Amino acid sequence: MGALIVIVVLLILFWVVLIRPQRRRTHEQTELIHSLEEGDQIVSAGGLYGVVKEIEGDTLHVEIADGLVVRMARNAVVGFVEEDEEPDELPEGGDTSVSIENGSG
C-alpha cells in the first residue's frame, strides 16, 4: 500500500512540474500566433525582427528592412518586440567586420 502512495505522489509531482507548465506555454504560444495583426513588431524563431505587413492564412509578409519584405510561417513567430528589445543599429560607416583571435600563437 505504501508503494502505491509513493507512485501516486510521483505521478502528481510529474504532472505539476513537467506537463502543466508545458501546456501553459503551448496555450500562450497559440494565443500569440492567433492574435497577430498587421503592424505588429515581431521576432521570429530564427532571430529576425520585423513588422507584419500582410497576413495570408498561415503565411505572414514581414518587413525586416526598409523595402525588404519576406514571407514567414505564422508558427515561426515567438514573440512581440518590446521597445527596449529592438536591435541596435549599425554604427556610422556600417562596419560589420569581426576580429577573431585564436589561442595558437
PDB file of N, CA and C in Angstrom:
ATOM      1  N   MET A   1       0.818  -1.192   0.000  1.00  0.00           N
ATOM      2  CA  MET A   1       0.000   0.000   0.000  1.00  0.00           C
ATOM      3  C   MET A   1       0.864   1.259   0.000  1.00  0.00           C
ATOM      4  N   GLY A   2       1.977   1.256   0.744  1.00  0.00           N
ATOM      5  CA  GLY A   2       2.880   2.406   0.804  1.00  0.00           C
ATOM      6  C   GLY A   2       3.516   2.692  -0.541  1.00  0.00           C
ATOM      7  N   ALA A   3       3.839   1.633  -1.296  1.00  0.00           N
ATOM      8  CA  ALA A   3       4.447   1.818  -2.612  1.00  0.00           C
ATOM      9  C   ALA A   3       3.460   2.480  -3.570  1.00  0.00           C
ATOM     10  N   LEU A   4       2.195   2.156  -3.455  1.00  0.00           N
ATOM     11  CA  LEU A   4       1.168   2.755  -4.302  1.00  0.00           C
ATOM     12  C   LEU A   4       1.045   4.264  -4.032  1.00  0.00           C
ATOM     13  N   ILE A   5       1.135   4.644  -2.767  1.00  0.00           N
ATOM     14  CA  ILE A   5       1.063   6.059  -2.406  1.00  0.00           C
ATOM     15  C   ILE A   5       2.263   6.805  -2.986  1.00  0.00           C
ATOM     16  N   VAL A   6       3.437   6.203  -2.911  1.00  0.00           N
ATOM     17  CA  VAL A   6       4.641   6.832  -3.459  1.00  0.00           C
ATOM     18  C   VAL A   6       4.500   7.019  -4.971  1.00  0.00           C
ATOM     19  N   ILE A   7       3.979   6.040  -5.659  1.00  0.00           N
ATOM     20  CA  ILE A   7       3.793   6.131  -7.115  1.00  0.00           C
ATOM     21  C   ILE A   7       2.801   7.247  -7.453  1.00  0.00           C
ATOM     22  N   VAL A   8       1.706   7.321  -6.724  1.00  0.00           N
ATOM     23  CA  VAL A   8       0.700   8.356  -6.964  1.00  0.00           C
ATOM     24  C   VAL A   8       1.298   9.740  -6.713  1.00  0.00           C
ATOM     25  N   VAL A   9       2.057   9.897  -5.640  1.00  0.00           N
ATOM     26  CA  VAL A   9       2.687  11.176  -5.330  1.00  0.00           C
ATOM     27  C   VAL A   9       3.679  11.556  -6.432  1.00  0.00           C
ATOM     28  N   LEU A  10       4.458  10.600  -6.932  1.00  0.00           N
ATOM     29  CA  LEU A  10       5.399  10.873  -8.009  1.00  0.00           C
ATOM     30  C   LEU A  10       4.679  11.277  -9.296  1.00  0.00           C
ATOM     31  N   LEU A  11       3.565  10.633  -9.605  1.00  0.00           N
ATOM     32  CA  LEU A  11       2.797  10.994 -10.791  1.00  0.00           C
ATOM     33  C   LEU A  11       2.230  12.415 -10.672  1.00  0.00           C
ATOM     34  N   ILE A  12       1.731  12.759  -9.503  1.00  0.00           N
ATOM     35  CA  ILE A  12       1.214  14.109  -9.287  1.00  0.00           C
ATOM     36  C   ILE A  12       2.344  15.128  -9.401  1.00  0.00           C
ATOM     37  N   LEU A  13       3.494  14.835  -8.822  1.00  0.00           N
ATOM     38  CA  LEU A  13       4.651  15.720  -8.912  1.00  0.00           C
ATOM     39  C   LEU A  13       5.095  15.887 -10.368  1.00  0.00           C
ATOM     40  N   PHE A  14       5.122  14.783 -11.107  1.00  0.00           N
ATOM     41  CA  PHE A  14       5.476  14.812 -12.528  1.00  0.00           C
ATOM     42  C   PHE A  14       4.512  15.729 -13.281  1.00  0.00           C
ATOM     43  N   TRP A  15       3.221  15.611 -13.011  1.00  0.00           N
ATOM     44  CA  TRP A  15       2.202  16.432 -13.655  1.00  0.00           C
ATOM     45  C   TRP A  15       2.435  17.921 -13.356  1.00  0.00           C
ATOM     46  N   VAL A  16       2.647  18.247 -12.087  1.00  0.00           N
ATOM     47  CA  VAL A  16       2.779  19.648 -11.675  1.00  0.00           C
ATOM     48  C   VAL A  16       4.068  20.261 -12.225  1.00  0.00           C
ATOM     49  N   VAL A  17       5.148  19.511 -12.238  1.00  0.00           N
ATOM     50  CA  VAL A  17       6.447  20.060 -12.620  1.00  0.00           C
ATOM     51  C   VAL A  17       6.665  20.089 -14.130  1.00  0.00           C
ATOM     52  N   LEU A  18       6.186  19.089 -14.853  1.00  0.00           N
ATOM     53  CA  LEU A  18       6.504  18.991 -16.277  1.00  0.00           C
ATOM     54  C   LEU A  18       5.324  19.251 -17.214  1.00  0.00           C
ATOM     55  N   ILE A  19       4.253  18.557 -17.047  1.00  0.00           N
ATOM     56  CA  ILE A  19       3.168  18.587 -18.025  1.00  0.00           C
ATOM     57  C   ILE A  19       2.381  19.888 -17.968  1.00  0.00           C
ATOM     58  N   ARG A  20       1.994  20.321 -16.804  1.00  0.00           N
ATOM     59  CA  ARG A  20       1.173  21.529 -16.672  1.00  0.00           C
ATOM     60  C   ARG A  20       1.866  22.787 -17.207  1.00  0.00           C
ATOM     61  N   PRO A  21       3.135  23.061 -16.864  1.00  0.00           N
ATOM     62  CA  PRO A  21       3.797  24.248 -17.426  1.00  0.00           C
ATOM     63  C   PRO A  21       3.945  24.185 -18.950  1.00  0.00           C
ATOM     64  N   GLN A  22       4.193  22.985 -19.484  1.00  0.00           N
ATOM     65  CA  GLN A  22       4.326  22.850 -20.936  1.00  0.00           C
ATOM     66  C   GLN A  22       3.005  23.158 -21.634  1.00  0.00           C
ATOM     67  N   ARG A  23       1.909  22.703 -21.074  1.00  0.00           N
ATOM     68  CA  ARG A  23       0.597  23.010 -21.645  1.00  0.00           C
ATOM     69  C   ARG A  23       0.326  24.511 -21.603  1.00  0.00           C
ATOM     70  N   ARG A  24       0.721  25.158 -20.524  1.00  0.00           N
ATOM     71  CA  ARG A  24       0.518  26.600 -20.398  1.00  0.00           C
ATOM     72  C   ARG A  24       1.326  27.347 -21.459  1.00  0.00           C
ATOM     73  N   ARG A  25       2.590  26.954 -21.662  1.00  0.00           N
ATOM     74  CA  ARG A  25       3.418  27.601 -22.691  1.00  0.00           C
ATOM     75  C   ARG A  25       2.830  27.384 -24.079  1.00  0.00           C
ATOM     76  N   THR A  26       2.355  26.181 -24.355  1.00  0.00           N
ATOM     77  CA  THR A  26       1.751  25.886 -25.652  1.00  0.00           C
ATOM     78  C   THR A  26       0.511  26.738 -25.876  1.00  0.00           C
ATOM     79  N   HIS A  27      -0.302  26.879 -24.846  1.00  0.00           N
ATOM     80  CA  HIS A  27      -1.508  27.691 -24.944  1.00  0.00           C
ATOM     81  C   HIS A  27      -1.154  29.164 -25.191  1.00  0.00           C
ATOM     82  N   GLU A  28      -0.151  29.683 -24.500  1.00  0.00           N
ATOM     83  CA  GLU A  28       0.276  31.071 -24.684  1.00  0.00           C
ATOM     84  C   GLU A  28       0.812  31.297 -26.092  1.00  0.00           C
ATOM     85  N   GLN A  29       1.575  30.342 -26.630  1.00  0.00           N
ATOM     86  CA  GLN A  29       2.119  30.459 -27.987  1.00  0.00           C
ATOM     87  C   GLN A  29       0.993  30.449 -29.015  1.00  0.00           C
ATOM     88  N   THR A  30      -0.001  29.601 -28.806  1.00  0.00           N
ATOM     89  CA  THR A  30      -1.145  29.541 -29.715  1.00  0.00           C
ATOM     90  C   THR A  30      -1.909  30.861 -29.701  1.00  0.00           C
ATOM     91  N   GLU A  31      -2.114  31.431 -28.522  1.00  0.00           N
ATOM     92  CA  GLU A  31      -2.791  32.727 -28.425  1.00  0.00           C
ATOM     93  C   GLU A  31      -1.998  33.812 -29.137  1.00  0.00           C
ATOM     94  N   LEU A  32      -0.678  33.799 -28.983  1.00  0.00           N
ATOM     95  CA  LEU A  32       0.177  34.789 -29.628  1.00  0.00           C
ATOM     96  C   LEU A  32       0.046  34.691 -31.142  1.00  0.00           C
ATOM     97  N   ILE A  33       0.089  33.495 -31.679  1.00  0.00           N
ATOM     98  CA  ILE A  33       0.022  33.286 -33.124  1.00  0.00           C
ATOM     99  C   ILE A  33      -1.318  33.758 -33.681  1.00  0.00           C
ATOM    100  N   HIS A  34      -2.390  33.501 -32.959  1.00  0.00           N
ATOM    101  CA  HIS A  34      -3.714  33.890 -33.438  1.00  0.00           C
ATOM    102  C   HIS A  34      -3.999  35.371 -33.235  1.00  0.00           C
ATOM    103  N   SER A  35      -3.246  36.047 -32.380  1.00  0.00           N
ATOM    104  CA  SER A  35      -3.504  37.463 -32.117  1.00  0.00           C
ATOM    105  C   SER A  35      -2.685  38.390 -33.009  1.00  0.00           C
ATOM    106  N   LEU A  36      -1.881  37.837 -33.925  1.00  0.00           N
ATOM    107  CA  LEU A  36      -1.058  38.671 -34.794  1.00  0.00           C
ATOM    108  C   LEU A  36      -1.930  39.548 -35.691  1.00  0.00           C
ATOM    109  N   GLU A  37      -1.521  40.798 -35.838  1.00  0.00           N
ATOM    110  CA  GLU A  37      -2.207  41.744 -36.699  1.00  0.00           C
ATOM    111  C   GLU A  37      -1.184  42.506 -37.521  1.00  0.00           C
ATOM    112  N   GLU A  38      -1.645  43.092 -38.607  1.00  0.00           N
ATOM    113  CA  GLU A  38      -0.760  43.903 -39.428  1.00  0.00           C
ATOM    114  C   GLU A  38      -0.251  45.078 -38.599  1.00  0.00           C
ATOM    115  N   GLY A  39       1.028  45.359 -38.735  1.00  0.00           N
ATOM    116  CA  GLY A  39       1.648  46.448 -37.986  1.00  0.00           C
ATOM    117  C   GLY A  39       2.344  46.003 -36.713  1.00  0.00           C
ATOM    118  N   ASP A  40       2.137  44.755 -36.285  1.00  0.00           N
ATOM    119  CA  ASP A  40       2.797  44.249 -35.082  1.00  0.00           C
ATOM    120  C   ASP A  40       4.291  44.100 -35.326  1.00  0.00           C
ATOM    121  N   GLN A  41       5.090  44.473 -34.350  1.00  0.00           N
ATOM    122  CA  GLN A  41       6.532  44.249 -34.408  1.00  0.00           C
ATOM    123  C   GLN A  41       6.799  42.907 -33.740  1.00  0.00           C
ATOM    124  N   ILE A  42       7.463  42.011 -34.472  1.00  0.00           N
ATOM    125  CA  ILE A  42       7.647  40.640 -34.002  1.00  0.00           C
ATOM    126  C   ILE A  42       9.111  40.232 -34.054  1.00  0.00           C
ATOM    127  N   VAL A  43       9.386  39.099 -33.405  1.00  0.00           N
ATOM    128  CA  VAL A  43      10.683  38.438 -33.531  1.00  0.00           C
ATOM    129  C   VAL A  43      10.385  36.981 -33.871  1.00  0.00           C
ATOM    130  N   SER A  44      11.159  36.435 -34.815  1.00  0.00           N
ATOM    131  CA  SER A  44      10.931  35.066 -35.262  1.00  0.00           C
ATOM    132  C   SER A  44      11.827  34.097 -34.504  1.00  0.00           C
ATOM    133  N   ALA A  45      11.561  32.817 -34.688  1.00  0.00           N
ATOM    134  CA  ALA A  45      12.368  31.776 -34.049  1.00  0.00           C
ATOM    135  C   ALA A  45      13.816  31.839 -34.538  1.00  0.00           C
ATOM    136  N   GLY A  46      14.025  32.354 -35.731  1.00  0.00           N
ATOM    137  CA  GLY A  46      15.376  32.487 -36.269  1.00  0.00           C
ATOM    138  C   GLY A  46      16.080  33.759 -35.834  1.00  0.00           C
ATOM    139  N   GLY A  47      15.392  34.599 -35.064  1.00  0.00           N
ATOM    140  CA  GLY A  47      16.002  35.812 -34.551  1.00  0.00           C
ATOM    141  C   GLY A  47      15.803  37.034 -35.426  1.00  0.00           C
ATOM    142  N   LEU A  48      14.945  36.946 -36.441  1.00  0.00           N
ATOM    143  CA  LEU A  48      14.676  38.102 -37.291  1.00  0.00           C
ATOM    144  C   LEU A  48      13.641  39.006 -36.639  1.00  0.00           C
ATOM    145  N   TYR A  49      13.925  40.300 -36.632  1.00  0.00           N
ATOM    146  CA  TYR A  49      12.990  41.291 -36.138  1.00  0.00           C
ATOM    147  C   TYR A  49      12.315  41.918 -37.350  1.00  0.00           C
ATOM    148  N   GLY A  50      11.015  42.172 -37.241  1.00  0.00           N
ATOM    149  CA  GLY A  50      10.329  42.790 -38.360  1.00  0.00           C
ATOM    150  C   GLY A  50       8.945  43.270 -37.989  1.00  0.00           C
ATOM    151  N   VAL A  51       8.272  43.830 -38.996  1.00  0.00           N
ATOM    152  CA  VAL A  51       6.919  44.354 -38.836  1.00  0.00           C
ATOM    153  C   VAL A  51       6.008  43.585 -39.782  1.00  0.00           C
ATOM    154  N   VAL A  52       4.890  43.088 -39.265  1.00  0.00           N
ATOM    155  CA  VAL A  52       3.932  42.344 -40.082  1.00  0.00           C
ATOM    156  C   VAL A  52       3.261  43.319 -41.040  1.00  0.00           C
ATOM    157  N   LYS A  53       3.371  43.057 -42.345  1.00  0.00           N
ATOM    158  CA  LYS A  53       2.767  43.916 -43.354  1.00  0.00           C
ATOM    159  C   LYS A  53       1.465  43.330 -43.883  1.00  0.00           C
ATOM    160  N   GLU A  54       1.392  41.991 -43.969  1.00  0.00           N
ATOM    161  CA  GLU A  54       0.205  41.343 -44.519  1.00  0.00           C
ATOM    162  C   GLU A  54       0.102  39.937 -43.943  1.00  0.00           C
ATOM    163  N   ILE A  55      -1.132  39.477 -43.754  1.00  0.00           N
ATOM    164  CA  ILE A  55      -1.371  38.133 -43.241  1.00  0.00           C
ATOM    165  C   ILE A  55      -2.236  37.385 -44.247  1.00  0.00           C
ATOM    166  N   GLU A  56      -1.751  36.220 -44.695  1.00  0.00           N
ATOM    167  CA  GLU A  56      -2.487  35.362 -45.625  1.00  0.00           C
ATOM    168  C   GLU A  56      -2.567  33.968 -45.017  1.00  0.00           C
ATOM    169  N   GLY A  57      -3.582  33.700 -44.228  1.00  0.00           N
ATOM    170  CA  GLY A  57      -3.729  32.389 -43.608  1.00  0.00           C
ATOM    171  C   GLY A  57      -2.587  32.105 -42.657  1.00  0.00           C
ATOM    172  N   ASP A  58      -1.786  31.096 -42.982  1.00  0.00           N
ATOM    173  CA  ASP A  58      -0.655  30.720 -42.131  1.00  0.00           C
ATOM    174  C   ASP A  58       0.653  31.359 -42.579  1.00  0.00           C
ATOM    175  N   THR A  59       0.590  32.295 -43.527  1.00  0.00           N
ATOM    176  CA  THR A  59       1.782  32.966 -44.035  1.00  0.00           C
ATOM    177  C   THR A  59       1.721  34.448 -43.688  1.00  0.00           C
ATOM    178  N   LEU A  60       2.852  34.959 -43.224  1.00  0.00           N
ATOM    179  CA  LEU A  60       2.968  36.384 -42.926  1.00  0.00           C
ATOM    180  C   LEU A  60       3.927  37.016 -43.918  1.00  0.00           C
ATOM    181  N   HIS A  61       3.667  38.250 -44.288  1.00  0.00           N
ATOM    182  CA  HIS A  61       4.616  39.040 -45.053  1.00  0.00           C
ATOM    183  C   HIS A  61       5.192  40.035 -44.054  1.00  0.00           C
ATOM    184  N   VAL A  62       6.497  39.888 -43.796  1.00  0.00           N
ATOM    185  CA  VAL A  62       7.156  40.655 -42.746  1.00  0.00           C
ATOM    186  C   VAL A  62       8.247  41.524 -43.358  1.00  0.00           C
ATOM    187  N   GLU A  63       8.215  42.812 -43.027  1.00  0.00           N
ATOM    188  CA  GLU A  63       9.251  43.731 -43.482  1.00  0.00           C
ATOM    189  C   GLU A  63      10.374  43.707 -42.449  1.00  0.00           C
ATOM    190  N   ILE A  64      11.573  43.243 -42.883  1.00  0.00           N
ATOM    191  CA  ILE A  64      12.700  43.136 -41.965  1.00  0.00           C
ATOM    192  C   ILE A  64      13.709  44.268 -42.163  1.00  0.00           C
ATOM    193  N   ALA A  65      13.571  45.013 -43.249  1.00  0.00           N
ATOM    194  CA  ALA A  65      14.385  46.200 -43.514  1.00  0.00           C
ATOM    195  C   ALA A  65      13.562  47.087 -44.440  1.00  0.00           C
ATOM    196  N   ASP A  66      13.988  48.324 -44.600  1.00  0.00           N
ATOM    197  CA  ASP A  66      13.250  49.238 -45.474  1.00  0.00           C
ATOM    198  C   ASP A  66      13.095  48.641 -46.869  1.00  0.00           C
ATOM    199  N   GLY A  67      11.861  48.353 -47.254  1.00  0.00           N
ATOM    200  CA  GLY A  67      11.580  47.826 -48.576  1.00  0.00           C
ATOM    201  C   GLY A  67      11.849  46.340 -48.752  1.00  0.00           C
ATOM    202  N   LEU A  68      12.309  45.638 -47.727  1.00  0.00           N
ATOM    203  CA  LEU A  68      12.605  44.211 -47.831  1.00  0.00           C
ATOM    204  C   LEU A  68      11.549  43.423 -47.070  1.00  0.00           C
ATOM    205  N   VAL A  69      10.642  42.795 -47.835  1.00  0.00           N
ATOM    206  CA  VAL A  69       9.548  42.027 -47.246  1.00  0.00           C
ATOM    207  C   VAL A  69       9.785  40.547 -47.532  1.00  0.00           C
ATOM    208  N   VAL A  70       9.705  39.732 -46.495  1.00  0.00           N
ATOM    209  CA  VAL A  70       9.897  38.289 -46.634  1.00  0.00           C
ATOM    210  C   VAL A  70       8.628  37.565 -46.198  1.00  0.00           C
ATOM    211  N   ARG A  71       8.458  36.360 -46.741  1.00  0.00           N
ATOM    212  CA  ARG A  71       7.352  35.520 -46.293  1.00  0.00           C
ATOM    213  C   ARG A  71       7.839  34.671 -45.132  1.00  0.00           C
ATOM    214  N   MET A  72       6.968  34.499 -44.153  1.00  0.00           N
ATOM    215  CA  MET A  72       7.347  33.756 -42.959  1.00  0.00           C
ATOM    216  C   MET A  72       6.147  32.925 -42.508  1.00  0.00           C
ATOM    217  N   ALA A  73       6.414  31.732 -42.025  1.00  0.00           N
ATOM    218  CA  ALA A  73       5.352  30.910 -41.456  1.00  0.00           C
ATOM    219  C   ALA A  73       4.861  31.557 -40.172  1.00  0.00           C
ATOM    220  N   ARG A  74       3.571  31.550 -39.988  1.00  0.00           N
ATOM    221  CA  ARG A  74       2.979  32.162 -38.794  1.00  0.00           C
ATOM    222  C   ARG A  74       3.523  31.492 -37.526  1.00  0.00           C
ATOM    223  N   ASN A  75       3.766  30.189 -37.576  1.00  0.00           N
ATOM    224  CA  ASN A  75       4.262  29.452 -36.415  1.00  0.00           C
ATOM    225  C   ASN A  75       5.701  29.800 -36.051  1.00  0.00           C
ATOM    226  N   ALA A  76       6.408  30.526 -36.919  1.00  0.00           N
ATOM    227  CA  ALA A  76       7.799  30.895 -36.638  1.00  0.00           C
ATOM    228  C   ALA A  76       7.900  32.096 -35.709  1.00  0.00           C
ATOM    229  N   VAL A  77       6.783  32.745 -35.425  1.00  0.00           N
ATOM    230  CA  VAL A  77       6.796  33.910 -34.542  1.00  0.00           C
ATOM    231  C   VAL A  77       6.875  33.433 -33.099  1.00  0.00           C
ATOM    232  N   VAL A  78       7.847  33.964 -32.353  1.00  0.00           N
ATOM    233  CA  VAL A  78       7.992  33.564 -30.951  1.00  0.00           C
ATOM    234  C   VAL A  78       7.625  34.667 -29.982  1.00  0.00           C
ATOM    235  N   GLY A  79       7.439  35.884 -30.486  1.00  0.00           N
ATOM    236  CA  GLY A  79       7.047  36.935 -29.570  1.00  0.00           C
ATOM    237  C   GLY A  79       6.919  38.277 -30.240  1.00  0.00           C
ATOM    238  N   PHE A  80       6.352  39.203 -29.477  1.00  0.00           N
ATOM    239  CA  PHE A  80       6.271  40.589 -29.903  1.00  0.00           C
ATOM    240  C   PHE A  80       7.521  41.305 -29.430  1.00  0.00           C
ATOM    241  N   VAL A  81       7.940  42.319 -30.176  1.00  0.00           N
ATOM    242  CA  VAL A  81       9.124  43.098 -29.809  1.00  0.00           C
ATOM    243  C   VAL A  81       8.695  44.178 -28.835  1.00  0.00           C
ATOM    244  N   GLU A  82       9.355  44.215 -27.709  1.00  0.00           N
ATOM    245  CA  GLU A  82       9.167  45.311 -26.763  1.00  0.00           C
ATOM    246  C   GLU A  82      10.083  46.438 -27.202  1.00  0.00           C
ATOM    247  N   GLU A  83       9.781  47.646 -26.833  1.00  0.00           N
ATOM    248  CA  GLU A  83      10.563  48.802 -27.279  1.00  0.00           C
ATOM    249  C   GLU A  83      12.040  48.685 -26.938  1.00  0.00           C
ATOM    250  N   ASP A  84      12.390  48.106 -25.790  1.00  0.00           N
ATOM    251  CA  ASP A  84      13.798  48.015 -25.402  1.00  0.00           C
ATOM    252  C   ASP A  84      14.494  46.797 -26.006  1.00  0.00           C
ATOM    253  N   GLU A  85      13.781  45.952 -26.775  1.00  0.00           N
ATOM    254  CA  GLU A  85      14.382  44.765 -27.376  1.00  0.00           C
ATOM    255  C   GLU A  85      14.868  44.984 -28.795  1.00  0.00           C
ATOM    256  N   GLU A  86      14.542  46.117 -29.406  1.00  0.00           N
ATOM    257  CA  GLU A  86      14.905  46.320 -30.792  1.00  0.00           C
ATOM    258  C   GLU A  86      16.419  46.271 -30.949  1.00  0.00           C
ATOM    259  N   PRO A  87      16.887  45.625 -32.014  1.00  0.00           N
ATOM    260  CA  PRO A  87      18.329  45.501 -32.202  1.00  0.00           C
ATOM    261  C   PRO A  87      18.960  46.866 -32.444  1.00  0.00           C
ATOM    262  N   ASP A  88      20.196  47.020 -31.971  1.00  0.00           N
ATOM    263  CA  ASP A  88      20.925  48.267 -32.171  1.00  0.00           C
ATOM    264  C   ASP A  88      21.229  48.445 -33.650  1.00  0.00           C
ATOM    265  N   GLU A  89      21.213  49.684 -34.086  1.00  0.00           N
ATOM    266  CA  GLU A  89      21.563  49.968 -35.469  1.00  0.00           C
ATOM    267  C   GLU A  89      23.078  49.931 -35.614  1.00  0.00           C
ATOM    268  N   LEU A  90      23.528  49.735 -36.846  1.00  0.00           N
ATOM    269  CA  LEU A  90      24.957  49.700 -37.114  1.00  0.00           C
ATOM    270  C   LEU A  90      25.559  51.079 -36.883  1.00  0.00           C
ATOM    271  N   PRO A  91      26.793  51.126 -36.414  1.00  0.00           N
ATOM    272  CA  PRO A  91      27.452  52.413 -36.245  1.00  0.00           C
ATOM    273  C   PRO A  91      27.686  53.072 -37.601  1.00  0.00           C
ATOM    274  N   GLU A  92      27.982  54.357 -37.583  1.00  0.00           N
ATOM    275  CA  GLU A  92      28.248  55.081 -38.830  1.00  0.00           C
ATOM    276  C   GLU A  92      29.311  54.339 -39.625  1.00  0.00           C
ATOM    277  N   GLY A  93      29.104  54.234 -40.910  1.00  0.00           N
ATOM    278  CA  GLY A  93      30.046  53.527 -41.769  1.00  0.00           C
ATOM    279  C   GLY A  93      29.623  52.083 -41.990  1.00  0.00           C
ATOM    280  N   GLY A  94      28.787  51.537 -41.112  1.00  0.00           N
ATOM    281  CA  GLY A  94      28.240  50.201 -41.296  1.00  0.00           C
ATOM    282  C   GLY A  94      29.269  49.091 -41.213  1.00  0.00           C
ATOM    283  N   ASP A  95      30.367  49.289 -40.506  1.00  0.00           N
ATOM    284  CA  ASP A  95      31.398  48.262 -40.392  1.00  0.00           C
ATOM    285  C   ASP A  95      30.873  47.090 -39.562  1.00  0.00           C
ATOM    286  N   THR A  96      30.728  45.939 -40.213  1.00  0.00           N
ATOM    287  CA  THR A  96      30.235  44.759 -39.507  1.00  0.00           C
ATOM    288  C   THR A  96      31.319  43.701 -39.348  1.00  0.00           C
ATOM    289  N   SER A  97      32.571  44.051 -39.604  1.00  0.00           N
ATOM    290  CA  SER A  97      33.651  43.078 -39.504  1.00  0.00           C
ATOM    291  C   SER A  97      33.878  42.689 -38.047  1.00  0.00           C
ATOM    292  N   VAL A  98      34.280  41.449 -37.876  1.00  0.00           N
ATOM    293  CA  VAL A  98      34.539  40.915 -36.544  1.00  0.00           C
ATOM    294  C   VAL A  98      35.964  40.397 -36.505  1.00  0.00           C
ATOM    295  N   SER A  99      36.685  40.753 -35.480  1.00  0.00           N
ATOM    296  CA  SER A  99      38.045  40.272 -35.323  1.00  0.00           C
ATOM    297  C   SER A  99      38.024  39.041 -34.417  1.00  0.00           C
ATOM    298  N   ILE A 100      38.542  37.937 -34.932  1.00  0.00           N
ATOM    299  CA  ILE A 100      38.576  36.701 -34.158  1.00  0.00           C
ATOM    300  C   ILE A 100      40.032  36.298 -33.965  1.00  0.00           C
ATOM    301  N   GLU A 101      40.384  36.115 -32.714  1.00  0.00           N
ATOM    302  CA  GLU A 101      41.733  35.695 -32.404  1.00  0.00           C
ATOM    303  C   GLU A 101      41.682  34.264 -31.890  1.00  0.00           C
ATOM    304  N   ASN A 102      42.562  33.423 -32.416  1.00  0.00           N
ATOM    305  CA  ASN A 102      42.620  32.084 -31.855  1.00  0.00           C
ATOM    306  C   ASN A 102      43.816  31.997 -30.920  1.00  0.00           C
ATOM    307  N   GLY A 103      43.773  31.013 -30.048  1.00  0.00           N
ATOM    308  CA  GLY A 103      44.776  30.918 -28.997  1.00  0.00           C
ATOM    309  C   GLY A 103      46.142  30.476 -29.463  1.00  0.00           C
ATOM    310  N   SER A 104      46.263  29.935 -30.677  1.00  0.00           N
ATOM    311  CA  SER A 104      47.576  29.468 -31.116  1.00  0.00           C
ATOM    312  C   SER A 104      48.414  30.642 -31.582  1.00  0.00           C
ATOM    313  N   GLY A 105      49.658  30.653 -31.187  1.00  0.00           N
ATOM    314  CA  GLY A 105      50.484  31.807 -31.435  1.00  0.00           C
ATOM    315  C   GLY A 105      51.331  31.652 -32.590  1.00  0.00           C
TER     316      GLY A 105
END
